[in-house]
Amino acid sequence: MPIYNVTMGQAISIHNIGADTLMTGCDVKSGLMSCSAIILFNRANGAAGLYHYPSGDIRARPSSQQVLREMMENISPTDCHVVYGAEDLTSNPFSFGFARDAEPTDPYHDHLLLHLRSLGLNPRTVAAGGSRSASVSLAGGTWTVSRDMPDGAVQNLAGRANAHGLPWCRIYWSMMAPFKLRPRLAFTTTRSGCVIL
């Protein structure tokens, strides 16, 4: 049961998730602080994807918009979930331990949700937990979107430019990814700035 981790600005889509798990947040560099994990899956055919979207205004990010369009084309999602970075209420002395919805730390979070709706998606949202991670898996016919660290060895895909050795898988990089995390292999970009691998 392989677990594949993507980092900020990186996305992955897979034709049939099978027993695999897609995640982000296996380490400090890929944790959801102010970013969001956009999780797409298709209940009928098992296709799935996860995009670690960096915080900011998606309206000004054509490369991020292109990544989402390509993921949607490859997945044909029936479901969309957004796990977003939020204030840690347990360390807030003024929360008094009352349960309430955590506010997103990204001031453009609502614009992201509006953009996803404009693509025909109906995103379900949840704040990232204390582990600052998010994952999607399929087991026994049941899809699970989690904000906890999955159990098992994680293959970190940070810096990978391709999906060699992964079953029908595509790795995407938006130009919003930090330069030091982008793959050092040859790649081309479209006019919109989306990295084509």
Protein backbone atom coordinates (compact mmCIF):
# COMPACT_ATOMS: atom_id res chain seq x y z
CA MET A 1 0.00 0.00 0.00
CA PRO A 2 2.28 2.83 -1.25
CA ILE A 3 1.84 6.37 0.09
CA TYR A 4 2.90 9.17 -2.26
CA ASN A 5 3.54 12.66 -0.87
CA VAL A 6 3.51 15.87 -2.92
CA THR A 7 4.87 19.20 -1.75
CA MET A 8 3.82 22.83 -2.16
CA GLY A 9 2.99 23.69 -5.78
CA GLN A 10 3.05 20.02 -6.82
CA ALA A 11 0.11 17.85 -7.84
CA ILE A 12 -0.41 14.22 -8.74
CA SER A 13 -3.16 12.38 -10.56
CA ILE A 14 -3.50 8.64 -10.88
CA HIS A 15 -5.72 6.64 -13.23
CA ASN A 16 -6.76 4.10 -10.60
CA ILE A 17 -5.78 4.67 -6.98
CA GLY A 18 -6.16 1.00 -6.06
CA ALA A 19 -4.48 0.46 -2.68
CA ASP A 20 -2.34 3.60 -2.96
CA THR A 21 -2.66 6.74 -0.84
CA LEU A 22 -2.02 10.25 -2.11
CA MET A 23 -1.01 12.79 0.50
CA THR A 24 0.70 16.05 1.38
CA GLY A 25 2.22 17.07 4.68
CA CYS A 26 4.67 14.26 5.48
CA ASP A 27 7.22 16.84 6.65
CA VAL A 28 7.50 20.50 7.62
CA LYS A 29 8.16 21.61 4.02
CA SER A 30 4.95 20.03 2.73
CA GLY A 31 2.67 20.78 5.70
CA LEU A 32 -0.55 22.75 5.23
CA MET A 33 0.14 25.99 7.07
CA SER A 34 -1.67 28.54 4.87
CA CYS A 35 -1.89 26.32 1.78
CA SER A 36 -4.75 24.02 0.76
CA ALA A 37 -4.85 20.43 -0.42
CA ILE A 38 -7.32 20.11 -3.30
CA ILE A 39 -8.42 16.48 -3.52
CA LEU A 40 -10.34 15.19 -6.54
CA PHE A 41 -11.61 11.67 -7.14
CA ASN A 42 -13.99 9.73 -9.34
CA ARG A 43 -16.15 7.21 -7.47
CA ALA A 44 -16.90 5.22 -10.64
CA ASN A 45 -13.43 4.57 -12.06
CA GLY A 46 -11.04 5.05 -9.12
CA ALA A 47 -9.14 8.00 -10.61
CA ALA A 48 -7.82 10.43 -8.01
CA GLY A 49 -5.58 13.43 -7.58
CA LEU A 50 -4.20 15.80 -4.98
CA TYR A 51 -2.86 19.33 -5.53
CA HIS A 52 -0.95 21.15 -2.78
CA TYR A 53 -2.14 24.62 -3.70
CA PRO A 54 0.05 27.44 -2.30
CA SER A 55 -1.88 30.17 -0.51
CA GLY A 56 -2.77 33.17 -2.64
CA ASP A 57 -5.20 34.50 -5.20
CA ILE A 58 -5.94 31.84 -7.82
CA ARG A 59 -7.38 34.53 -10.10
CA ALA A 60 -3.82 35.79 -10.62
CA ARG A 61 -2.28 32.32 -11.12
CA PRO A 62 -2.86 30.95 -14.62
CA SER A 63 -0.42 28.08 -14.04
CA SER A 64 -2.42 26.87 -11.03
CA GLN A 65 -5.65 27.18 -13.01
CA GLN A 66 -4.07 25.09 -15.78
CA VAL A 67 -2.95 22.40 -13.32
CA LEU A 68 -6.54 22.11 -12.06
CA ARG A 69 -7.97 21.94 -15.60
CA GLU A 70 -5.55 19.17 -16.56
CA MET A 71 -6.26 17.24 -13.37
CA MET A 72 -9.99 17.50 -14.03
CA GLU A 73 -9.47 16.26 -17.58
CA ASN A 74 -7.50 13.24 -16.32
CA ILE A 75 -9.78 12.43 -13.38
CA SER A 76 -13.32 13.54 -14.38
CA PRO A 77 -14.00 14.04 -10.67
CA THR A 78 -17.28 13.24 -8.98
CA ASP A 79 -16.01 14.60 -5.64
CA CYS A 80 -13.87 17.52 -4.50
CA HIS A 81 -12.50 18.14 -1.01
CA VAL A 82 -10.34 21.02 0.21
CA VAL A 83 -8.28 20.58 3.36
CA TYR A 84 -7.02 24.04 4.28
CA GLY A 85 -4.39 25.44 6.60
CA ALA A 86 -5.92 27.10 9.64
CA GLU A 87 -5.06 28.69 12.95
CA ASP A 88 -4.25 26.14 15.62
CA LEU A 89 -7.14 26.71 18.04
CA THR A 90 -5.59 24.55 20.74
CA SER A 91 -2.78 27.08 21.20
CA ASN A 92 -5.16 30.08 21.18
CA PRO A 93 -5.76 31.13 24.81
CA PHE A 94 -8.95 32.95 23.79
CA SER A 95 -10.66 29.92 22.23
CA PHE A 96 -11.48 28.57 25.74
CA GLY A 97 -11.57 25.08 24.26
CA PHE A 98 -14.88 25.67 22.46
CA ALA A 99 -15.31 23.80 19.20
CA ARG A 100 -15.80 26.10 16.24
CA ASP A 101 -14.89 26.24 12.59
CA ALA A 102 -11.25 27.16 12.18
CA GLU A 103 -10.63 30.18 10.00
CA PRO A 104 -8.43 29.61 6.93
CA THR A 105 -5.05 31.32 7.18
CA ASP A 106 -5.12 32.07 3.44
CA PRO A 107 -7.02 35.36 2.94
CA TYR A 108 -7.89 34.20 -0.61
CA HIS A 109 -9.47 30.91 0.46
CA ASP A 110 -12.97 32.01 -0.66
CA HIS A 111 -11.62 32.85 -4.13
CA LEU A 112 -10.21 29.33 -4.40
CA LEU A 113 -13.61 27.84 -3.54
CA LEU A 114 -15.34 30.14 -6.07
CA HIS A 115 -12.88 29.04 -8.76
CA LEU A 116 -13.51 25.36 -8.02
CA ARG A 117 -17.25 25.98 -8.24
CA SER A 118 -16.75 27.74 -11.59
CA LEU A 119 -15.22 24.46 -12.83
CA GLY A 120 -18.43 22.64 -11.89
CA LEU A 121 -17.10 21.22 -8.63
CA ASN A 122 -18.84 21.31 -5.26
CA PRO A 123 -15.94 21.44 -2.77
CA ARG A 124 -16.36 20.11 0.75
CA THR A 125 -13.98 21.85 3.15
CA VAL A 126 -12.29 20.94 6.41
CA ALA A 127 -9.46 22.55 8.37
CA ALA A 128 -6.17 20.68 8.50
CA GLY A 129 -5.56 18.89 11.77
CA GLY A 130 -2.56 19.19 14.04
CA SER A 131 -0.43 17.09 11.70
CA ARG A 132 -0.99 19.66 8.91
CA SER A 133 -1.44 16.83 6.44
CA ALA A 134 -4.17 15.63 4.07
CA SER A 135 -4.64 12.35 2.23
CA VAL A 136 -7.02 10.41 0.02
CA SER A 137 -7.35 6.65 -0.26
CA LEU A 138 -9.79 3.95 -1.34
CA ALA A 139 -10.24 0.78 0.72
CA GLY A 140 -13.02 -1.77 0.44
CA GLY A 141 -14.96 0.47 -1.94
CA THR A 142 -14.95 3.37 0.53
CA TRP A 143 -13.18 6.65 -0.23
CA THR A 144 -11.44 8.29 2.71
CA VAL A 145 -10.26 11.88 2.86
CA SER A 146 -8.20 12.35 6.01
CA ARG A 147 -6.39 15.17 7.73
CA ASP A 148 -4.24 12.78 9.76
CA MET A 149 -0.94 11.20 8.80
CA PRO A 150 -1.50 7.81 7.16
CA ASP A 151 0.34 4.80 8.58
CA GLY A 152 3.16 3.39 6.51
CA ALA A 153 6.26 4.34 4.59
CA VAL A 154 5.91 7.52 2.54
CA GLN A 155 7.52 8.08 -0.85
CA ASN A 156 8.20 11.82 -1.06
CA LEU A 157 7.82 13.04 -4.64
CA ALA A 158 9.31 16.49 -3.97
CA GLY A 159 11.71 17.35 -6.77
CA ARG A 160 10.47 14.56 -9.04
CA ALA A 161 9.74 15.60 -12.57
CA ASN A 162 8.09 12.41 -13.73
CA ALA A 163 6.20 9.41 -12.51
CA HIS A 164 8.54 6.57 -13.48
CA GLY A 165 7.59 3.44 -11.61
CA LEU A 166 4.15 4.70 -10.62
CA PRO A 167 1.03 3.16 -12.18
CA TRP A 168 -0.55 5.51 -14.76
CA CYS A 169 0.38 8.59 -12.86
CA ARG A 170 1.06 12.20 -13.76
CA ILE A 171 2.96 14.73 -11.69
CA TYR A 172 2.26 18.43 -12.22
CA TRP A 173 4.18 21.50 -11.09
CA SER A 174 2.70 24.98 -11.04
CA MET A 175 5.08 27.88 -11.40
CA MET A 176 4.02 28.83 -7.86
CA ALA A 177 6.21 26.05 -6.47
CA PRO A 178 9.33 27.30 -4.68
CA PHE A 179 12.25 27.19 -7.11
CA LYS A 180 14.37 24.98 -4.83
CA LEU A 181 11.62 22.33 -4.80
CA ARG A 182 11.03 22.23 -8.56
CA PRO A 183 12.55 19.34 -10.49
CA ARG A 184 16.01 19.86 -11.86
CA LEU A 185 15.31 17.78 -14.94
CA ALA A 186 14.38 19.22 -18.31
CA PHE A 187 10.83 20.42 -18.67
CA THR A 188 8.85 22.82 -20.81
CA THR A 189 6.18 25.30 -19.88
CA THR A 190 3.07 26.37 -21.69
CA ARG A 191 2.25 30.04 -22.24
CA SER A 192 0.17 29.95 -19.07
CA GLY A 193 3.20 28.78 -17.09
CA CYS A 194 2.05 25.22 -16.43
CA VAL A 195 4.89 22.73 -16.37
CA ILE A 196 4.43 19.88 -18.85
CA LEU A 197 6.37 16.75 -17.94
